N, C-alpha and C. Protein backbone atom coordinates (compact mmCIF):
# COMPACT_ATOMS: atom_id res chain seq x y z
N MET A 1 254.19 62.79 -30.86
CA MET A 1 253.91 61.37 -30.78
C MET A 1 253.45 60.91 -32.15
N GLY A 2 253.78 59.71 -32.49
CA GLY A 2 253.38 59.20 -33.79
C GLY A 2 252.62 57.90 -33.67
N LEU A 3 251.63 57.73 -34.52
CA LEU A 3 250.85 56.49 -34.59
C LEU A 3 250.80 56.04 -36.03
N GLY A 4 250.56 54.78 -36.26
CA GLY A 4 250.50 54.27 -37.63
C GLY A 4 251.90 54.15 -38.20
N ALA A 5 252.18 54.86 -39.26
CA ALA A 5 253.51 54.88 -39.87
C ALA A 5 254.04 56.31 -39.86
N PRO A 6 254.41 56.83 -38.67
CA PRO A 6 254.73 58.24 -38.56
C PRO A 6 256.09 58.65 -39.09
N VAL A 7 256.98 57.70 -39.34
CA VAL A 7 258.34 58.06 -39.73
C VAL A 7 258.35 58.85 -41.03
N GLY A 8 257.57 58.41 -42.02
CA GLY A 8 257.56 59.09 -43.30
C GLY A 8 257.07 60.52 -43.23
N ILE A 9 256.05 60.76 -42.46
CA ILE A 9 255.49 62.11 -42.37
C ILE A 9 255.89 62.82 -41.07
N GLY A 10 256.15 62.06 -40.02
CA GLY A 10 256.42 62.65 -38.72
C GLY A 10 257.76 63.34 -38.60
N LYS A 11 258.83 62.70 -39.05
CA LYS A 11 260.16 63.29 -38.89
C LYS A 11 260.31 64.61 -39.64
N PRO A 12 259.91 64.71 -40.93
CA PRO A 12 260.02 66.02 -41.59
C PRO A 12 259.16 67.09 -40.93
N SER A 13 257.98 66.72 -40.45
CA SER A 13 257.10 67.68 -39.79
C SER A 13 257.72 68.19 -38.50
N MET A 14 258.27 67.29 -37.71
CA MET A 14 258.89 67.68 -36.45
C MET A 14 260.15 68.51 -36.69
N TRP A 15 260.89 68.17 -37.73
CA TRP A 15 262.10 68.94 -38.06
C TRP A 15 261.73 70.38 -38.37
N ARG A 16 260.65 70.57 -39.13
CA ARG A 16 260.20 71.93 -39.48
C ARG A 16 259.75 72.70 -38.25
N LEU A 17 259.15 72.02 -37.30
CA LEU A 17 258.68 72.68 -36.08
C LEU A 17 259.79 72.85 -35.04
N GLY A 18 260.94 72.24 -35.29
CA GLY A 18 262.03 72.30 -34.32
C GLY A 18 261.76 71.42 -33.11
N ALA A 19 261.03 70.35 -33.31
CA ALA A 19 260.67 69.43 -32.23
C ALA A 19 261.16 68.03 -32.58
N GLU A 20 260.89 67.09 -31.72
CA GLU A 20 261.25 65.70 -32.00
C GLU A 20 260.08 64.79 -31.68
N LEU A 21 260.08 63.62 -32.31
CA LEU A 21 259.01 62.65 -32.04
C LEU A 21 259.11 62.14 -30.61
N GLY A 22 257.98 62.08 -29.94
CA GLY A 22 257.95 61.58 -28.58
C GLY A 22 258.10 60.07 -28.54
N LYS A 23 258.39 59.58 -27.36
CA LYS A 23 258.59 58.15 -27.18
C LYS A 23 257.32 57.53 -26.60
N SER A 24 256.76 56.61 -27.36
CA SER A 24 255.56 55.90 -26.91
C SER A 24 255.55 54.52 -27.53
N VAL A 25 254.77 53.65 -26.93
CA VAL A 25 254.63 52.28 -27.43
C VAL A 25 253.13 51.99 -27.55
N VAL A 26 252.74 51.50 -28.71
CA VAL A 26 251.35 51.09 -28.95
C VAL A 26 251.38 49.63 -29.35
N TYR A 27 250.61 48.80 -28.64
CA TYR A 27 250.59 47.38 -28.98
C TYR A 27 249.22 46.78 -28.68
N GLN A 28 249.00 45.61 -29.22
CA GLN A 28 247.75 44.88 -29.03
C GLN A 28 247.94 43.83 -27.95
N GLU A 29 247.02 43.78 -27.01
CA GLU A 29 247.00 42.72 -26.00
C GLU A 29 246.56 41.42 -26.68
N THR A 30 246.71 40.31 -26.00
CA THR A 30 246.31 39.02 -26.57
C THR A 30 244.80 38.94 -26.80
N ASN A 31 244.03 39.72 -26.02
CA ASN A 31 242.57 39.71 -26.21
C ASN A 31 242.12 40.71 -27.28
N GLY A 32 243.06 41.37 -27.96
CA GLY A 32 242.74 42.28 -29.04
C GLY A 32 242.64 43.75 -28.65
N GLU A 33 242.72 44.05 -27.35
CA GLU A 33 242.63 45.43 -26.91
C GLU A 33 243.93 46.18 -27.20
N THR A 34 243.81 47.46 -27.49
CA THR A 34 244.97 48.30 -27.77
C THR A 34 245.48 48.91 -26.48
N ARG A 35 246.77 48.90 -26.30
CA ARG A 35 247.39 49.50 -25.12
C ARG A 35 248.41 50.53 -25.58
N VAL A 36 248.46 51.66 -24.88
CA VAL A 36 249.39 52.74 -25.19
C VAL A 36 250.19 53.05 -23.94
N GLU A 37 251.51 53.16 -24.09
CA GLU A 37 252.38 53.57 -23.00
C GLU A 37 253.17 54.78 -23.44
N ILE A 38 253.12 55.85 -22.65
CA ILE A 38 253.89 57.05 -22.90
C ILE A 38 255.22 56.87 -22.16
N LYS A 39 256.33 56.96 -22.88
CA LYS A 39 257.64 56.64 -22.31
C LYS A 39 258.43 57.86 -21.85
N GLU A 40 257.79 59.04 -21.78
CA GLU A 40 258.47 60.24 -21.30
C GLU A 40 257.44 61.17 -20.68
N SER A 41 257.92 62.14 -19.93
CA SER A 41 257.02 63.10 -19.29
C SER A 41 256.48 64.09 -20.32
N VAL A 42 255.17 64.31 -20.28
CA VAL A 42 254.53 65.27 -21.18
C VAL A 42 253.81 66.36 -20.38
N ARG A 43 254.03 66.39 -19.10
CA ARG A 43 253.34 67.34 -18.22
C ARG A 43 253.56 68.78 -18.69
N GLY A 44 252.44 69.48 -18.93
CA GLY A 44 252.50 70.89 -19.31
C GLY A 44 252.96 71.18 -20.72
N GLN A 45 253.10 70.17 -21.56
CA GLN A 45 253.58 70.37 -22.92
C GLN A 45 252.43 70.34 -23.93
N ASP A 46 252.66 71.00 -25.07
CA ASP A 46 251.74 70.90 -26.19
C ASP A 46 252.16 69.69 -27.02
N ILE A 47 251.24 68.76 -27.24
CA ILE A 47 251.56 67.51 -27.92
C ILE A 47 250.77 67.41 -29.22
N PHE A 48 251.46 67.07 -30.29
CA PHE A 48 250.84 66.78 -31.58
C PHE A 48 250.87 65.27 -31.78
N ILE A 49 249.72 64.67 -32.06
CA ILE A 49 249.66 63.25 -32.38
C ILE A 49 249.51 63.15 -33.90
N ILE A 50 250.50 62.56 -34.55
CA ILE A 50 250.44 62.38 -35.99
C ILE A 50 249.95 60.96 -36.25
N GLN A 51 248.77 60.85 -36.87
CA GLN A 51 248.17 59.54 -37.11
C GLN A 51 247.95 59.35 -38.60
N THR A 52 248.72 58.45 -39.17
CA THR A 52 248.44 58.04 -40.54
C THR A 52 247.46 56.87 -40.45
N ILE A 53 246.73 56.63 -41.51
CA ILE A 53 245.73 55.56 -41.50
C ILE A 53 246.17 54.50 -42.51
N PRO A 54 247.16 53.67 -42.16
CA PRO A 54 247.68 52.72 -43.14
C PRO A 54 246.92 51.41 -43.23
N ARG A 55 246.07 51.12 -42.27
CA ARG A 55 245.41 49.82 -42.23
C ARG A 55 243.96 50.00 -41.81
N ASP A 56 243.47 49.16 -40.98
CA ASP A 56 242.09 49.19 -40.52
C ASP A 56 241.75 50.56 -39.92
N VAL A 57 240.79 51.23 -40.50
CA VAL A 57 240.42 52.58 -40.08
C VAL A 57 239.94 52.60 -38.63
N ASN A 58 239.10 51.66 -38.26
CA ASN A 58 238.54 51.66 -36.90
C ASN A 58 239.62 51.48 -35.85
N THR A 59 240.58 50.60 -36.11
CA THR A 59 241.69 50.41 -35.17
C THR A 59 242.52 51.67 -35.06
N ALA A 60 242.78 52.32 -36.17
CA ALA A 60 243.59 53.54 -36.17
C ALA A 60 242.91 54.66 -35.39
N VAL A 61 241.60 54.80 -35.55
CA VAL A 61 240.86 55.83 -34.81
C VAL A 61 240.89 55.52 -33.32
N MET A 62 240.71 54.26 -32.94
CA MET A 62 240.77 53.89 -31.52
C MET A 62 242.16 54.16 -30.95
N GLU A 63 243.23 53.86 -31.71
CA GLU A 63 244.58 54.16 -31.25
C GLU A 63 244.74 55.65 -30.98
N LEU A 64 244.21 56.47 -31.87
CA LEU A 64 244.29 57.92 -31.71
C LEU A 64 243.57 58.36 -30.44
N LEU A 65 242.37 57.85 -30.21
CA LEU A 65 241.60 58.22 -29.03
C LEU A 65 242.26 57.74 -27.74
N ILE A 66 242.80 56.52 -27.76
CA ILE A 66 243.47 55.99 -26.57
C ILE A 66 244.74 56.79 -26.28
N MET A 67 245.50 57.14 -27.33
CA MET A 67 246.71 57.95 -27.15
C MET A 67 246.35 59.32 -26.58
N ALA A 68 245.30 59.95 -27.11
CA ALA A 68 244.88 61.26 -26.62
C ALA A 68 244.47 61.19 -25.15
N TYR A 69 243.76 60.14 -24.77
CA TYR A 69 243.36 59.99 -23.38
C TYR A 69 244.56 59.74 -22.48
N ALA A 70 245.51 58.93 -22.95
CA ALA A 70 246.73 58.68 -22.16
C ALA A 70 247.51 59.97 -21.95
N LEU A 71 247.58 60.80 -22.97
CA LEU A 71 248.28 62.09 -22.85
C LEU A 71 247.53 63.03 -21.92
N LYS A 72 246.21 62.99 -21.98
CA LYS A 72 245.40 63.85 -21.10
C LYS A 72 245.62 63.47 -19.64
N THR A 73 245.62 62.17 -19.35
CA THR A 73 245.83 61.73 -17.97
C THR A 73 247.27 61.93 -17.52
N ALA A 74 248.19 62.11 -18.48
CA ALA A 74 249.59 62.41 -18.14
C ALA A 74 249.82 63.91 -18.03
N CYS A 75 248.75 64.71 -18.04
CA CYS A 75 248.77 66.16 -17.83
C CYS A 75 249.40 66.96 -18.95
N ALA A 76 249.24 66.52 -20.21
CA ALA A 76 249.67 67.34 -21.34
C ALA A 76 248.80 68.59 -21.38
N ARG A 77 249.39 69.74 -21.72
CA ARG A 77 248.64 71.00 -21.73
C ARG A 77 247.63 71.03 -22.87
N ASN A 78 248.09 70.81 -24.10
CA ASN A 78 247.23 70.78 -25.28
C ASN A 78 247.55 69.53 -26.09
N ILE A 79 246.52 68.89 -26.64
CA ILE A 79 246.70 67.70 -27.47
C ILE A 79 246.05 67.99 -28.81
N ILE A 80 246.86 67.95 -29.86
CA ILE A 80 246.39 68.26 -31.21
C ILE A 80 246.58 67.03 -32.08
N GLY A 81 245.50 66.57 -32.71
CA GLY A 81 245.57 65.43 -33.61
C GLY A 81 245.82 65.89 -35.04
N VAL A 82 246.84 65.33 -35.67
CA VAL A 82 247.15 65.64 -37.07
C VAL A 82 246.85 64.38 -37.87
N ILE A 83 245.83 64.46 -38.72
CA ILE A 83 245.39 63.30 -39.49
C ILE A 83 245.35 63.71 -40.96
N PRO A 84 246.40 63.38 -41.74
CA PRO A 84 246.43 63.80 -43.14
C PRO A 84 245.24 63.31 -43.96
N TYR A 85 244.78 62.10 -43.71
CA TYR A 85 243.57 61.59 -44.35
C TYR A 85 242.58 61.30 -43.24
N PHE A 86 241.46 62.01 -43.22
CA PHE A 86 240.48 61.82 -42.16
C PHE A 86 239.44 60.80 -42.58
N PRO A 87 239.45 59.61 -41.98
CA PRO A 87 238.46 58.60 -42.34
C PRO A 87 237.06 59.05 -41.95
N TYR A 88 236.10 58.53 -42.64
CA TYR A 88 234.69 58.83 -42.43
C TYR A 88 234.31 60.23 -42.88
N SER A 89 235.23 60.98 -43.50
CA SER A 89 234.92 62.35 -43.90
C SER A 89 233.86 62.40 -45.00
N LYS A 90 233.71 61.31 -45.74
CA LYS A 90 232.68 61.28 -46.78
C LYS A 90 231.28 61.12 -46.19
N GLN A 91 231.22 60.76 -44.91
CA GLN A 91 229.93 60.59 -44.25
C GLN A 91 229.59 61.86 -43.46
N SER A 92 229.65 63.02 -44.12
CA SER A 92 229.43 64.29 -43.44
C SER A 92 228.01 64.83 -43.60
N LYS A 93 227.16 64.13 -44.33
CA LYS A 93 225.80 64.58 -44.56
C LYS A 93 224.81 63.50 -44.14
N MET A 94 223.69 63.95 -43.64
CA MET A 94 222.64 63.02 -43.23
C MET A 94 221.99 62.42 -44.47
N ARG A 95 221.95 61.11 -44.52
CA ARG A 95 221.28 60.41 -45.61
C ARG A 95 220.23 59.49 -44.99
N LYS A 96 219.01 59.73 -45.35
CA LYS A 96 217.88 58.96 -44.83
C LYS A 96 217.88 59.01 -43.31
N ARG A 97 217.93 57.87 -42.66
CA ARG A 97 217.89 57.85 -41.20
C ARG A 97 219.20 57.38 -40.60
N GLY A 98 220.29 57.62 -41.29
CA GLY A 98 221.60 57.20 -40.80
C GLY A 98 222.20 58.24 -39.87
N SER A 99 223.41 57.99 -39.50
CA SER A 99 224.12 58.90 -38.60
C SER A 99 225.17 59.69 -39.38
N ILE A 100 225.59 60.80 -38.81
CA ILE A 100 226.67 61.59 -39.38
C ILE A 100 227.92 61.19 -38.62
N VAL A 101 228.63 60.21 -39.13
CA VAL A 101 229.74 59.58 -38.41
C VAL A 101 230.90 60.54 -38.18
N CYS A 102 231.19 61.42 -39.12
CA CYS A 102 232.36 62.28 -38.96
C CYS A 102 232.19 63.29 -37.82
N LYS A 103 230.97 63.46 -37.29
CA LYS A 103 230.77 64.37 -36.16
C LYS A 103 231.13 63.73 -34.82
N LEU A 104 231.42 62.43 -34.82
CA LEU A 104 231.83 61.79 -33.59
C LEU A 104 233.14 62.37 -33.15
């Protein structure tokens, strides 16, 4: 499955693995909520979610979490997130009384 702009990185990765990109639709509702629809059966399969972060980081992370939950409820066996650039990774140490965001 691909999120963000998966064509550039997703197709070569899937070709190397001997797999193909799954069919899904991600869109925004009129109230701003993100909706994900899985367009094929994933029951019992190992699924890789390739998420590039081309725009708003918070929206991209929510898309990834919503996609993972949709795949979980569709009975995927294993769900692996592939994130070439991991946002919030610079916030890996406690500074003063803040939070360690990357541990979420």
